[in-house]
Amino acid sequence: MRCEKLLHLLNIDGWENGKASVARSTLSAHIHMCPLCQEKVAQLAEALAMQADLTCDLCSRRLPAYYEAMRPEYPLVELSEVEIMEVSDHLSGCSSCRDVYDELVLLSELEERDEMTEP
């Protein structure tokens, strides 16, 4: 089950038009008052606590799926919230994996625009 109110709050225009602090407060207030959201936050925290830190090897293997899952237009792959958080967290602290991901993004964009050159 998912919280439709939360989805609505995450998609409000305030995030883009300079009212992010208001959007954040509204979102935070909702999560504190909604039993469903509180349950999901607790489940996410528990799952993250149970997971060992993501290794560079495992992160590298997840990068193609992470890239596809993060494409807002048409994600071709679905990852669980926990997997997305693990990769995102690892990328924020590991410059080596972040460089690999940045190269993957660049190559994917070039391929999509049909700008790849043969050696």
PDB file of N, CA and C in Angstrom:
ATOM      1  N   MET A   1       0.842  -1.165   0.000  1.00  0.00           N
ATOM      2  CA  MET A   1       0.000   0.000   0.000  1.00  0.00           C
ATOM      3  C   MET A   1       0.899   1.244   0.000  1.00  0.00           C
ATOM      4  N   ARG A   2       0.462   2.290  -0.693  1.00  0.00           N
ATOM      5  CA  ARG A   2       1.253   3.509  -0.732  1.00  0.00           C
ATOM      6  C   ARG A   2       0.395   4.705  -0.337  1.00  0.00           C
ATOM      7  N   CYS A   3       1.042   5.729   0.099  1.00  0.00           N
ATOM      8  CA  CYS A   3       0.351   6.929   0.564  1.00  0.00           C
ATOM      9  C   CYS A   3       0.219   7.907  -0.602  1.00  0.00           C
ATOM     10  N   GLU A   4      -0.988   8.084  -1.085  1.00  0.00           N
ATOM     11  CA  GLU A   4      -1.236   8.993  -2.211  1.00  0.00           C
ATOM     12  C   GLU A   4      -0.935  10.439  -1.842  1.00  0.00           C
ATOM     13  N   LYS A   5      -1.200  10.804  -0.597  1.00  0.00           N
ATOM     14  CA  LYS A   5      -0.924  12.179  -0.140  1.00  0.00           C
ATOM     15  C   LYS A   5       0.580  12.455  -0.216  1.00  0.00           C
ATOM     16  N   LEU A   6       1.390  11.490   0.186  1.00  0.00           N
ATOM     17  CA  LEU A   6       2.838  11.650   0.119  1.00  0.00           C
ATOM     18  C   LEU A   6       3.286  11.826  -1.328  1.00  0.00           C
ATOM     19  N   LEU A   7       2.758  11.009  -2.224  1.00  0.00           N
ATOM     20  CA  LEU A   7       3.108  11.131  -3.642  1.00  0.00           C
ATOM     21  C   LEU A   7       2.744  12.513  -4.173  1.00  0.00           C
ATOM     22  N   HIS A   8       1.590  13.009  -3.768  1.00  0.00           N
ATOM     23  CA  HIS A   8       1.172  14.348  -4.187  1.00  0.00           C
ATOM     24  C   HIS A   8       2.152  15.408  -3.662  1.00  0.00           C
ATOM     25  N   LEU A   9       2.527  15.296  -2.394  1.00  0.00           N
ATOM     26  CA  LEU A   9       3.444  16.268  -1.800  1.00  0.00           C
ATOM     27  C   LEU A   9       4.822  16.233  -2.457  1.00  0.00           C
ATOM     28  N   LEU A  10       5.256  15.059  -2.872  1.00  0.00           N
ATOM     29  CA  LEU A  10       6.558  14.950  -3.541  1.00  0.00           C
ATOM     30  C   LEU A  10       6.529  15.542  -4.946  1.00  0.00           C
ATOM     31  N   ASN A  11       5.348  15.664  -5.526  1.00  0.00           N
ATOM     32  CA  ASN A  11       5.219  16.174  -6.892  1.00  0.00           C
ATOM     33  C   ASN A  11       4.718  17.605  -6.977  1.00  0.00           C
ATOM     34  N   ILE A  12       4.621  18.309  -5.861  1.00  0.00           N
ATOM     35  CA  ILE A  12       4.099  19.680  -5.920  1.00  0.00           C
ATOM     36  C   ILE A  12       5.103  20.610  -6.581  1.00  0.00           C
ATOM     37  N   ASP A  13       4.584  21.680  -7.150  1.00  0.00           N
ATOM     38  CA  ASP A  13       5.420  22.637  -7.870  1.00  0.00           C
ATOM     39  C   ASP A  13       6.378  23.399  -6.969  1.00  0.00           C
ATOM     40  N   GLY A  14       6.126  23.439  -5.672  1.00  0.00           N
ATOM     41  CA  GLY A  14       6.960  24.199  -4.753  1.00  0.00           C
ATOM     42  C   GLY A  14       8.424  23.817  -4.773  1.00  0.00           C
ATOM     43  N   TRP A  15       8.714  22.577  -5.154  1.00  0.00           N
ATOM     44  CA  TRP A  15      10.109  22.143  -5.186  1.00  0.00           C
ATOM     45  C   TRP A  15      10.893  22.907  -6.243  1.00  0.00           C
ATOM     46  N   GLU A  16      10.253  23.245  -7.376  1.00  0.00           N
ATOM     47  CA  GLU A  16      10.962  23.903  -8.465  1.00  0.00           C
ATOM     48  C   GLU A  16      10.861  25.421  -8.449  1.00  0.00           C
ATOM     49  N   ASN A  17       9.836  25.980  -7.859  1.00  0.00           N
ATOM     50  CA  ASN A  17       9.651  27.422  -7.993  1.00  0.00           C
ATOM     51  C   ASN A  17      10.025  28.215  -6.744  1.00  0.00           C
ATOM     52  N   GLY A  18      11.096  27.813  -6.083  1.00  0.00           N
ATOM     53  CA  GLY A  18      11.647  28.584  -4.990  1.00  0.00           C
ATOM     54  C   GLY A  18      10.942  28.435  -3.654  1.00  0.00           C
ATOM     55  N   LYS A  19      10.059  27.487  -3.518  1.00  0.00           N
ATOM     56  CA  LYS A  19       9.341  27.299  -2.255  1.00  0.00           C
ATOM     57  C   LYS A  19       9.670  25.943  -1.635  1.00  0.00           C
ATOM     58  N   ALA A  20      10.909  25.527  -1.807  1.00  0.00           N
ATOM     59  CA  ALA A  20      11.312  24.205  -1.317  1.00  0.00           C
ATOM     60  C   ALA A  20      11.201  24.104   0.198  1.00  0.00           C
ATOM     61  N   SER A  21      11.484  25.190   0.920  1.00  0.00           N
ATOM     62  CA  SER A  21      11.413  25.115   2.385  1.00  0.00           C
ATOM     63  C   SER A  21       9.976  24.883   2.850  1.00  0.00           C
ATOM     64  N   VAL A  22       9.007  25.490   2.174  1.00  0.00           N
ATOM     65  CA  VAL A  22       7.599  25.270   2.499  1.00  0.00           C
ATOM     66  C   VAL A  22       7.214  23.836   2.155  1.00  0.00           C
ATOM     67  N   ALA A  23       7.662  23.365   0.996  1.00  0.00           N
ATOM     68  CA  ALA A  23       7.366  21.991   0.575  1.00  0.00           C
ATOM     69  C   ALA A  23       7.972  20.994   1.557  1.00  0.00           C
ATOM     70  N   ARG A  24       9.205  21.244   2.007  1.00  0.00           N
ATOM     71  CA  ARG A  24       9.861  20.363   2.971  1.00  0.00           C
ATOM     72  C   ARG A  24       9.094  20.317   4.292  1.00  0.00           C
ATOM     73  N   SER A  25       8.658  21.475   4.767  1.00  0.00           N
ATOM     74  CA  SER A  25       7.899  21.518   6.030  1.00  0.00           C
ATOM     75  C   SER A  25       6.593  20.768   5.909  1.00  0.00           C
ATOM     76  N   THR A  26       5.880  20.958   4.809  1.00  0.00           N
ATOM     77  CA  THR A  26       4.612  20.272   4.601  1.00  0.00           C
ATOM     78  C   THR A  26       4.834  18.764   4.527  1.00  0.00           C
ATOM     79  N   LEU A  27       5.867  18.370   3.823  1.00  0.00           N
ATOM     80  CA  LEU A  27       6.199  16.953   3.696  1.00  0.00           C
ATOM     81  C   LEU A  27       6.558  16.353   5.055  1.00  0.00           C
ATOM     82  N   SER A  28       7.392  17.039   5.795  1.00  0.00           N
ATOM     83  CA  SER A  28       7.803  16.562   7.110  1.00  0.00           C
ATOM     84  C   SER A  28       6.600  16.436   8.050  1.00  0.00           C
ATOM     85  N   ALA A  29       5.727  17.432   8.046  1.00  0.00           N
ATOM     86  CA  ALA A  29       4.538  17.385   8.899  1.00  0.00           C
ATOM     87  C   ALA A  29       3.656  16.194   8.535  1.00  0.00           C
ATOM     88  N   HIS A  30       3.512  15.951   7.232  1.00  0.00           N
ATOM     89  CA  HIS A  30       2.683  14.824   6.800  1.00  0.00           C
ATOM     90  C   HIS A  30       3.276  13.498   7.284  1.00  0.00           C
ATOM     91  N   ILE A  31       4.561  13.321   7.094  1.00  0.00           N
ATOM     92  CA  ILE A  31       5.202  12.058   7.487  1.00  0.00           C
ATOM     93  C   ILE A  31       5.066  11.834   8.987  1.00  0.00           C
ATOM     94  N   HIS A  32       5.166  12.897   9.778  1.00  0.00           N
ATOM     95  CA  HIS A  32       5.035  12.752  11.231  1.00  0.00           C
ATOM     96  C   HIS A  32       3.611  12.411  11.664  1.00  0.00           C
ATOM     97  N   MET A  33       2.620  12.755  10.852  1.00  0.00           N
ATOM     98  CA  MET A  33       1.228  12.533  11.236  1.00  0.00           C
ATOM     99  C   MET A  33       0.593  11.312  10.568  1.00  0.00           C
ATOM    100  N   CYS A  34       1.173  10.813   9.499  1.00  0.00           N
ATOM    101  CA  CYS A  34       0.576   9.719   8.727  1.00  0.00           C
ATOM    102  C   CYS A  34       1.097   8.363   9.217  1.00  0.00           C
ATOM    103  N   PRO A  35       0.220   7.517   9.748  1.00  0.00           N
ATOM    104  CA  PRO A  35       0.667   6.201  10.238  1.00  0.00           C
ATOM    105  C   PRO A  35       1.303   5.342   9.143  1.00  0.00           C
ATOM    106  N   LEU A  36       0.776   5.415   7.924  1.00  0.00           N
ATOM    107  CA  LEU A  36       1.334   4.614   6.836  1.00  0.00           C
ATOM    108  C   LEU A  36       2.757   5.065   6.508  1.00  0.00           C
ATOM    109  N   CYS A  37       2.958   6.373   6.421  1.00  0.00           N
ATOM    110  CA  CYS A  37       4.301   6.888   6.120  1.00  0.00           C
ATOM    111  C   CYS A  37       5.273   6.562   7.250  1.00  0.00           C
ATOM    112  N   GLN A  38       4.822   6.658   8.494  1.00  0.00           N
ATOM    113  CA  GLN A  38       5.679   6.330   9.631  1.00  0.00           C
ATOM    114  C   GLN A  38       6.099   4.866   9.576  1.00  0.00           C
ATOM    115  N   GLU A  39       5.165   4.008   9.216  1.00  0.00           N
ATOM    116  CA  GLU A  39       5.479   2.582   9.099  1.00  0.00           C
ATOM    117  C   GLU A  39       6.515   2.345   8.004  1.00  0.00           C
ATOM    118  N   LYS A  40       6.340   3.008   6.857  1.00  0.00           N
ATOM    119  CA  LYS A  40       7.270   2.818   5.738  1.00  0.00           C
ATOM    120  C   LYS A  40       8.653   3.370   6.073  1.00  0.00           C
ATOM    121  N   VAL A  41       8.720   4.495   6.765  1.00  0.00           N
ATOM    122  CA  VAL A  41      10.008   5.061   7.170  1.00  0.00           C
ATOM    123  C   VAL A  41      10.703   4.099   8.121  1.00  0.00           C
ATOM    124  N   ALA A  42       9.945   3.521   9.043  1.00  0.00           N
ATOM    125  CA  ALA A  42      10.523   2.552   9.981  1.00  0.00           C
ATOM    126  C   ALA A  42      11.036   1.318   9.240  1.00  0.00           C
ATOM    127  N   GLN A  43      10.271   0.833   8.255  1.00  0.00           N
ATOM    128  CA  GLN A  43      10.707  -0.330   7.471  1.00  0.00           C
ATOM    129  C   GLN A  43      11.976  -0.012   6.687  1.00  0.00           C
ATOM    130  N   LEU A  44      12.033   1.184   6.098  1.00  0.00           N
ATOM    131  CA  LEU A  44      13.219   1.576   5.334  1.00  0.00           C
ATOM    132  C   LEU A  44      14.433   1.671   6.250  1.00  0.00           C
ATOM    133  N   ALA A  45      14.272   2.297   7.401  1.00  0.00           N
ATOM    134  CA  ALA A  45      15.387   2.427   8.343  1.00  0.00           C
ATOM    135  C   ALA A  45      15.877   1.055   8.803  1.00  0.00           C
ATOM    136  N   GLU A  46      14.939   0.157   9.079  1.00  0.00           N
ATOM    137  CA  GLU A  46      15.300  -1.193   9.512  1.00  0.00           C
ATOM    138  C   GLU A  46      16.048  -1.944   8.414  1.00  0.00           C
ATOM    139  N   ALA A  47      15.552  -1.835   7.197  1.00  0.00           N
ATOM    140  CA  ALA A  47      16.195  -2.530   6.076  1.00  0.00           C
ATOM    141  C   ALA A  47      17.598  -1.985   5.837  1.00  0.00           C
ATOM    142  N   LEU A  48      17.751  -0.674   5.932  1.00  0.00           N
ATOM    143  CA  LEU A  48      19.074  -0.086   5.736  1.00  0.00           C
ATOM    144  C   LEU A  48      20.031  -0.482   6.850  1.00  0.00           C
ATOM    145  N   ALA A  49      19.531  -0.547   8.064  1.00  0.00           N
ATOM    146  CA  ALA A  49      20.375  -0.938   9.192  1.00  0.00           C
ATOM    147  C   ALA A  49      20.830  -2.384   9.072  1.00  0.00           C
ATOM    148  N   MET A  50      19.984  -3.244   8.513  1.00  0.00           N
ATOM    149  CA  MET A  50      20.322  -4.658   8.373  1.00  0.00           C
ATOM    150  C   MET A  50      21.314  -4.907   7.241  1.00  0.00           C
ATOM    151  N   GLN A  51      21.347  -4.014   6.270  1.00  0.00           N
ATOM    152  CA  GLN A  51      22.223  -4.207   5.124  1.00  0.00           C
ATOM    153  C   GLN A  51      23.659  -3.826   5.482  1.00  0.00           C
ATOM    154  N   ALA A  52      24.589  -4.595   5.030  1.00  0.00           N
ATOM    155  CA  ALA A  52      25.984  -4.214   5.168  1.00  0.00           C
ATOM    156  C   ALA A  52      26.254  -3.088   4.178  1.00  0.00           C
ATOM    157  N   ASP A  53      27.301  -2.336   4.432  1.00  0.00           N
ATOM    158  CA  ASP A  53      27.651  -1.285   3.483  1.00  0.00           C
ATOM    159  C   ASP A  53      27.874  -1.892   2.107  1.00  0.00           C
ATOM    160  N   LEU A  54      27.413  -1.183   1.119  1.00  0.00           N
ATOM    161  CA  LEU A  54      27.545  -1.639  -0.260  1.00  0.00           C
ATOM    162  C   LEU A  54      29.015  -1.573  -0.670  1.00  0.00           C
ATOM    163  N   THR A  55      29.533  -2.655  -1.192  1.00  0.00           N
ATOM    164  CA  THR A  55      30.921  -2.671  -1.644  1.00  0.00           C
ATOM    165  C   THR A  55      31.008  -2.022  -3.023  1.00  0.00           C
ATOM    166  N   CYS A  56      32.194  -1.611  -3.405  1.00  0.00           N
ATOM    167  CA  CYS A  56      32.391  -1.015  -4.728  1.00  0.00           C
ATOM    168  C   CYS A  56      32.040  -2.016  -5.831  1.00  0.00           C
ATOM    169  N   ASP A  57      32.380  -3.275  -5.609  1.00  0.00           N
ATOM    170  CA  ASP A  57      32.081  -4.301  -6.606  1.00  0.00           C
ATOM    171  C   ASP A  57      30.576  -4.443  -6.815  1.00  0.00           C
ATOM    172  N   LEU A  58      29.832  -4.551  -5.730  1.00  0.00           N
ATOM    173  CA  LEU A  58      28.386  -4.681  -5.847  1.00  0.00           C
ATOM    174  C   LEU A  58      27.762  -3.402  -6.401  1.00  0.00           C
ATOM    175  N   CYS A  59      28.272  -2.261  -5.970  1.00  0.00           N
ATOM    176  CA  CYS A  59      27.761  -0.993  -6.488  1.00  0.00           C
ATOM    177  C   CYS A  59      27.967  -0.925  -7.996  1.00  0.00           C
ATOM    178  N   SER A  60      29.147  -1.285  -8.460  1.00  0.00           N
ATOM    179  CA  SER A  60      29.448  -1.244  -9.900  1.00  0.00           C
ATOM    180  C   SER A  60      28.503  -2.142 -10.688  1.00  0.00           C
ATOM    181  N   ARG A  61      28.180  -3.305 -10.129  1.00  0.00           N
ATOM    182  CA  ARG A  61      27.257  -4.206 -10.816  1.00  0.00           C
ATOM    183  C   ARG A  61      25.831  -3.664 -10.862  1.00  0.00           C
ATOM    184  N   ARG A  62      25.477  -2.824  -9.891  1.00  0.00           N
ATOM    185  CA  ARG A  62      24.129  -2.241  -9.855  1.00  0.00           C
ATOM    186  C   ARG A  62      23.995  -0.950 -10.671  1.00  0.00           C
ATOM    187  N   LEU A  63      25.101  -0.358 -11.080  1.00  0.00           N
ATOM    188  CA  LEU A  63      25.033   0.952 -11.739  1.00  0.00           C
ATOM    189  C   LEU A  63      24.161   0.981 -12.997  1.00  0.00           C
ATOM    190  N   PRO A  64      24.239   0.004 -13.899  1.00  0.00           N
ATOM    191  CA  PRO A  64      23.354   0.070 -15.073  1.00  0.00           C
ATOM    192  C   PRO A  64      21.870   0.050 -14.692  1.00  0.00           C
ATOM    193  N   ALA A  65      21.508  -0.793 -13.745  1.00  0.00           N
ATOM    194  CA  ALA A  65      20.107  -0.844 -13.306  1.00  0.00           C
ATOM    195  C   ALA A  65      19.728   0.448 -12.590  1.00  0.00           C
ATOM    196  N   TYR A  66      20.643   0.989 -11.793  1.00  0.00           N
ATOM    197  CA  TYR A  66      20.392   2.250 -11.087  1.00  0.00           C
ATOM    198  C   TYR A  66      20.169   3.378 -12.097  1.00  0.00           C
ATOM    199  N   TYR A  67      21.004   3.429 -13.122  1.00  0.00           N
ATOM    200  CA  TYR A  67      20.850   4.452 -14.159  1.00  0.00           C
ATOM    201  C   TYR A  67      19.472   4.359 -14.809  1.00  0.00           C
ATOM    202  N   GLU A  68      19.079   3.163 -15.197  1.00  0.00           N
ATOM    203  CA  GLU A  68      17.785   2.976 -15.848  1.00  0.00           C
ATOM    204  C   GLU A  68      16.627   3.295 -14.897  1.00  0.00           C
ATOM    205  N   ALA A  69      16.751   2.884 -13.638  1.00  0.00           N
ATOM    206  CA  ALA A  69      15.676   3.120 -12.668  1.00  0.00           C
ATOM    207  C   ALA A  69      15.504   4.601 -12.355  1.00  0.00           C
ATOM    208  N   MET A  70      16.558   5.375 -12.492  1.00  0.00           N
ATOM    209  CA  MET A  70      16.501   6.795 -12.150  1.00  0.00           C
ATOM    210  C   MET A  70      16.054   7.676 -13.304  1.00  0.00           C
ATOM    211  N   ARG A  71      15.794   7.091 -14.442  1.00  0.00           N
ATOM    212  CA  ARG A  71      15.357   7.883 -15.598  1.00  0.00           C
ATOM    213  C   ARG A  71      13.884   8.230 -15.428  1.00  0.00           C
ATOM    214  N   PRO A  72      13.578   9.495 -15.254  1.00  0.00           N
ATOM    215  CA  PRO A  72      12.190   9.866 -14.976  1.00  0.00           C
ATOM    216  C   PRO A  72      11.238   9.673 -16.157  1.00  0.00           C
ATOM    217  N   GLU A  73      11.744   9.768 -17.376  1.00  0.00           N
ATOM    218  CA  GLU A  73      10.865   9.673 -18.540  1.00  0.00           C
ATOM    219  C   GLU A  73      10.304   8.270 -18.722  1.00  0.00           C
ATOM    220  N   TYR A  74      11.167   7.301 -18.685  1.00  0.00           N
ATOM    221  CA  TYR A  74      10.732   5.926 -18.916  1.00  0.00           C
ATOM    222  C   TYR A  74      11.736   4.947 -18.312  1.00  0.00           C
ATOM    223  N   PRO A  75      11.608   4.711 -17.007  1.00  0.00           N
ATOM    224  CA  PRO A  75      12.546   3.763 -16.395  1.00  0.00           C
ATOM    225  C   PRO A  75      12.334   2.354 -16.947  1.00  0.00           C
ATOM    226  N   LEU A  76      13.409   1.723 -17.365  1.00  0.00           N
ATOM    227  CA  LEU A  76      13.338   0.384 -17.928  1.00  0.00           C
ATOM    228  C   LEU A  76      13.575  -0.697 -16.885  1.00  0.00           C
ATOM    229  N   VAL A  77      14.056  -0.299 -15.725  1.00  0.00           N
ATOM    230  CA  VAL A  77      14.381  -1.247 -14.663  1.00  0.00           C
ATOM    231  C   VAL A  77      13.808  -0.695 -13.363  1.00  0.00           C
ATOM    232  N   GLU A  78      13.359  -1.573 -12.514  1.00  0.00           N
ATOM    233  CA  GLU A  78      12.883  -1.150 -11.200  1.00  0.00           C
ATOM    234  C   GLU A  78      13.820  -1.708 -10.137  1.00  0.00           C
ATOM    235  N   LEU A  79      14.209  -0.843  -9.228  1.00  0.00           N
ATOM    236  CA  LEU A  79      14.977  -1.260  -8.058  1.00  0.00           C
ATOM    237  C   LEU A  79      14.146  -0.931  -6.829  1.00  0.00           C
ATOM    238  N   SER A  80      14.355  -1.673  -5.764  1.00  0.00           N
ATOM    239  CA  SER A  80      13.647  -1.376  -4.525  1.00  0.00           C
ATOM    240  C   SER A  80      14.169  -0.057  -3.954  1.00  0.00           C
ATOM    241  N   GLU A  81      13.380   0.549  -3.070  1.00  0.00           N
ATOM    242  CA  GLU A  81      13.815   1.785  -2.431  1.00  0.00           C
ATOM    243  C   GLU A  81      15.133   1.584  -1.696  1.00  0.00           C
ATOM    244  N   VAL A  82      15.285   0.422  -1.089  1.00  0.00           N
ATOM    245  CA  VAL A  82      16.513   0.126  -0.348  1.00  0.00           C
ATOM    246  C   VAL A  82      17.706   0.073  -1.300  1.00  0.00           C
ATOM    247  N   GLU A  83      17.553  -0.611  -2.433  1.00  0.00           N
ATOM    248  CA  GLU A  83      18.664  -0.689  -3.395  1.00  0.00           C
ATOM    249  C   GLU A  83      19.028   0.696  -3.925  1.00  0.00           C
ATOM    250  N   ILE A  84      18.033   1.507  -4.217  1.00  0.00           N
ATOM    251  CA  ILE A  84      18.297   2.866  -4.704  1.00  0.00           C
ATOM    252  C   ILE A  84      19.037   3.670  -3.639  1.00  0.00           C
ATOM    253  N   MET A  85      18.583   3.574  -2.397  1.00  0.00           N
ATOM    254  CA  MET A  85      19.244   4.310  -1.305  1.00  0.00           C
ATOM    255  C   MET A  85      20.678   3.825  -1.102  1.00  0.00           C
ATOM    256  N   GLU A  86      20.891   2.513  -1.192  1.00  0.00           N
ATOM    257  CA  GLU A  86      22.242   1.979  -1.010  1.00  0.00           C
ATOM    258  C   GLU A  86      23.190   2.513  -2.078  1.00  0.00           C
ATOM    259  N   VAL A  87      22.768   2.472  -3.333  1.00  0.00           N
ATOM    260  CA  VAL A  87      23.630   2.942  -4.414  1.00  0.00           C
ATOM    261  C   VAL A  87      23.844   4.443  -4.283  1.00  0.00           C
ATOM    262  N   SER A  88      22.780   5.174  -4.038  1.00  0.00           N
ATOM    263  CA  SER A  88      22.880   6.627  -3.896  1.00  0.00           C
ATOM    264  C   SER A  88      23.829   6.994  -2.759  1.00  0.00           C
ATOM    265  N   ASP A  89      23.679   6.315  -1.631  1.00  0.00           N
ATOM    266  CA  ASP A  89      24.545   6.580  -0.481  1.00  0.00           C
ATOM    267  C   ASP A  89      25.991   6.248  -0.811  1.00  0.00           C
ATOM    268  N   HIS A  90      26.213   5.118  -1.469  1.00  0.00           N
ATOM    269  CA  HIS A  90      27.578   4.727  -1.827  1.00  0.00           C
ATOM    270  C   HIS A  90      28.194   5.745  -2.792  1.00  0.00           C
ATOM    271  N   LEU A  91      27.422   6.176  -3.788  1.00  0.00           N
ATOM    272  CA  LEU A  91      27.939   7.141  -4.762  1.00  0.00           C
ATOM    273  C   LEU A  91      28.287   8.477  -4.108  1.00  0.00           C
ATOM    274  N   SER A  92      27.550   8.842  -3.073  1.00  0.00           N
ATOM    275  CA  SER A  92      27.830  10.121  -2.413  1.00  0.00           C
ATOM    276  C   SER A  92      29.145  10.102  -1.650  1.00  0.00           C
ATOM    277  N   GLY A  93      29.613   8.908  -1.281  1.00  0.00           N
ATOM    278  CA  GLY A  93      30.843   8.830  -0.514  1.00  0.00           C
ATOM    279  C   GLY A  93      32.017   8.173  -1.217  1.00  0.00           C
ATOM    280  N   CYS A  94      31.823   7.712  -2.435  1.00  0.00           N
ATOM    281  CA  CYS A  94      32.889   6.987  -3.135  1.00  0.00           C
ATOM    282  C   CYS A  94      33.160   7.653  -4.482  1.00  0.00           C
ATOM    283  N   SER A  95      34.237   8.384  -4.565  1.00  0.00           N
ATOM    284  CA  SER A  95      34.536   9.115  -5.806  1.00  0.00           C
ATOM    285  C   SER A  95      34.859   8.168  -6.957  1.00  0.00           C
ATOM    286  N   SER A  96      35.427   7.015  -6.666  1.00  0.00           N
ATOM    287  CA  SER A  96      35.751   6.052  -7.712  1.00  0.00           C
ATOM    288  C   SER A  96      34.475   5.544  -8.395  1.00  0.00           C
ATOM    289  N   CYS A  97      33.511   5.115  -7.598  1.00  0.00           N
ATOM    290  CA  CYS A  97      32.244   4.629  -8.174  1.00  0.00           C
ATOM    291  C   CYS A  97      31.469   5.774  -8.820  1.00  0.00           C
ATOM    292  N   ARG A  98      31.578   6.959  -8.241  1.00  0.00           N
ATOM    293  CA  ARG A  98      30.889   8.118  -8.826  1.00  0.00           C
ATOM    294  C   ARG A  98      31.465   8.409 -10.210  1.00  0.00           C
ATOM    295  N   ASP A  99      32.778   8.311 -10.372  1.00  0.00           N
ATOM    296  CA  ASP A  99      33.401   8.527 -11.682  1.00  0.00           C
ATOM    297  C   ASP A  99      32.907   7.494 -12.693  1.00  0.00           C
ATOM    298  N   VAL A 100      32.820   6.231 -12.259  1.00  0.00           N
ATOM    299  CA  VAL A 100      32.321   5.170 -13.146  1.00  0.00           C
ATOM    300  C   VAL A 100      30.886   5.468 -13.550  1.00  0.00           C
ATOM    301  N   TYR A 101      30.062   5.894 -12.596  1.00  0.00           N
ATOM    302  CA  TYR A 101      28.661   6.207 -12.891  1.00  0.00           C
ATOM    303  C   TYR A 101      28.561   7.398 -13.843  1.00  0.00           C
ATOM    304  N   ASP A 102      29.362   8.423 -13.616  1.00  0.00           N
ATOM    305  CA  ASP A 102      29.351   9.605 -14.507  1.00  0.00           C
ATOM    306  C   ASP A 102      29.716   9.208 -15.940  1.00  0.00           C
ATOM    307  N   GLU A 103      30.681   8.289 -16.086  1.00  0.00           N
ATOM    308  CA  GLU A 103      31.058   7.813 -17.419  1.00  0.00           C
ATOM    309  C   GLU A 103      29.924   7.009 -18.053  1.00  0.00           C
ATOM    310  N   LEU A 104      29.261   6.194 -17.255  1.00  0.00           N
ATOM    311  CA  LEU A 104      28.117   5.423 -17.743  1.00  0.00           C
ATOM    312  C   LEU A 104      27.018   6.362 -18.238  1.00  0.00           C
ATOM    313  N   VAL A 105      26.732   7.406 -17.488  1.00  0.00           N
ATOM    314  CA  VAL A 105      25.714   8.376 -17.880  1.00  0.00           C
ATOM    315  C   VAL A 105      26.111   9.052 -19.192  1.00  0.00           C
ATOM    316  N   LEU A 106      27.350   9.483 -19.288  1.00  0.00           N
ATOM    317  CA  LEU A 106      27.825  10.150 -20.500  1.00  0.00           C
ATOM    318  C   LEU A 106      27.737   9.227 -21.713  1.00  0.00           C
ATOM    319  N   LEU A 107      28.219   8.003 -21.566  1.00  0.00           N
ATOM    320  CA  LEU A 107      28.164   7.048 -22.680  1.00  0.00           C
ATOM    321  C   LEU A 107      26.720   6.735 -23.081  1.00  0.00           C
ATOM    322  N   SER A 108      25.852   6.598 -22.107  1.00  0.00           N
ATOM    323  CA  SER A 108      24.441   6.306 -22.397  1.00  0.00           C
ATOM    324  C   SER A 108      23.790   7.453 -23.142  1.00  0.00           C
ATOM    325  N   GLU A 109      24.102   8.678 -22.729  1.00  0.00           N
ATOM    326  CA  GLU A 109      23.533   9.845 -23.403  1.00  0.00           C
ATOM    327  C   GLU A 109      24.055   9.965 -24.839  1.00  0.00           C
ATOM    328  N   LEU A 110      25.335   9.699 -25.021  1.00  0.00           N
ATOM    329  CA  LEU A 110      25.896   9.736 -26.380  1.00  0.00           C
ATOM    330  C   LEU A 110      25.246   8.668 -27.257  1.00  0.00           C
ATOM    331  N   GLU A 111      25.077   7.484 -26.710  1.00  0.00           N
ATOM    332  CA  GLU A 111      24.449   6.395 -27.460  1.00  0.00           C
ATOM    333  C   GLU A 111      22.999   6.738 -27.819  1.00  0.00           C
ATOM    334  N   GLU A 112      22.276   7.309 -26.875  1.00  0.00           N
ATOM    335  CA  GLU A 112      20.877   7.673 -27.139  1.00  0.00           C
ATOM    336  C   GLU A 112      20.756   8.730 -28.240  1.00  0.00           C
ATOM    337  N   ARG A 113      21.746   9.616 -28.292  1.00  0.00           N
ATOM    338  CA  ARG A 113      21.726  10.655 -29.332  1.00  0.00           C
ATOM    339  C   ARG A 113      22.411  10.177 -30.614  1.00  0.00           C
ATOM    340  N   ASP A 114      22.819   8.913 -30.620  1.00  0.00           N
ATOM    341  CA  ASP A 114      23.497   8.313 -31.761  1.00  0.00           C
ATOM    342  C   ASP A 114      24.762   9.079 -32.131  1.00  0.00           C
ATOM    343  N   GLU A 115      25.527   9.453 -31.116  1.00  0.00           N
ATOM    344  CA  GLU A 115      26.771  10.214 -31.318  1.00  0.00           C
ATOM    345  C   GLU A 115      28.008   9.384 -31.002  1.00  0.00           C
ATOM    346  N   MET A 116      27.836   8.100 -30.848  1.00  0.00           N
ATOM    347  CA  MET A 116      28.977   7.232 -30.571  1.00  0.00           C
ATOM    348  C   MET A 116      29.801   7.101 -31.853  1.00  0.00           C
ATOM    349  N   THR A 117      31.115   7.175 -31.719  1.00  0.00           N
ATOM    350  CA  THR A 117      31.989   6.972 -32.857  1.00  0.00           C
ATOM    351  C   THR A 117      32.710   5.645 -32.721  1.00  0.00           C
ATOM    352  N   GLU A 118      32.881   4.987 -33.806  1.00  0.00           N
ATOM    353  CA  GLU A 118      33.587   3.710 -33.816  1.00  0.00           C
ATOM    354  C   GLU A 118      35.075   3.980 -33.790  1.00  0.00           C
ATOM    355  N   PRO A 119      35.855   3.182 -33.048  1.00  0.00           N
ATOM    356  CA  PRO A 119      37.323   3.395 -32.989  1.00  0.00           C
ATOM    357  C   PRO A 119      38.000   3.077 -34.295  1.00  0.00           C
TER     358      PRO A 119
END
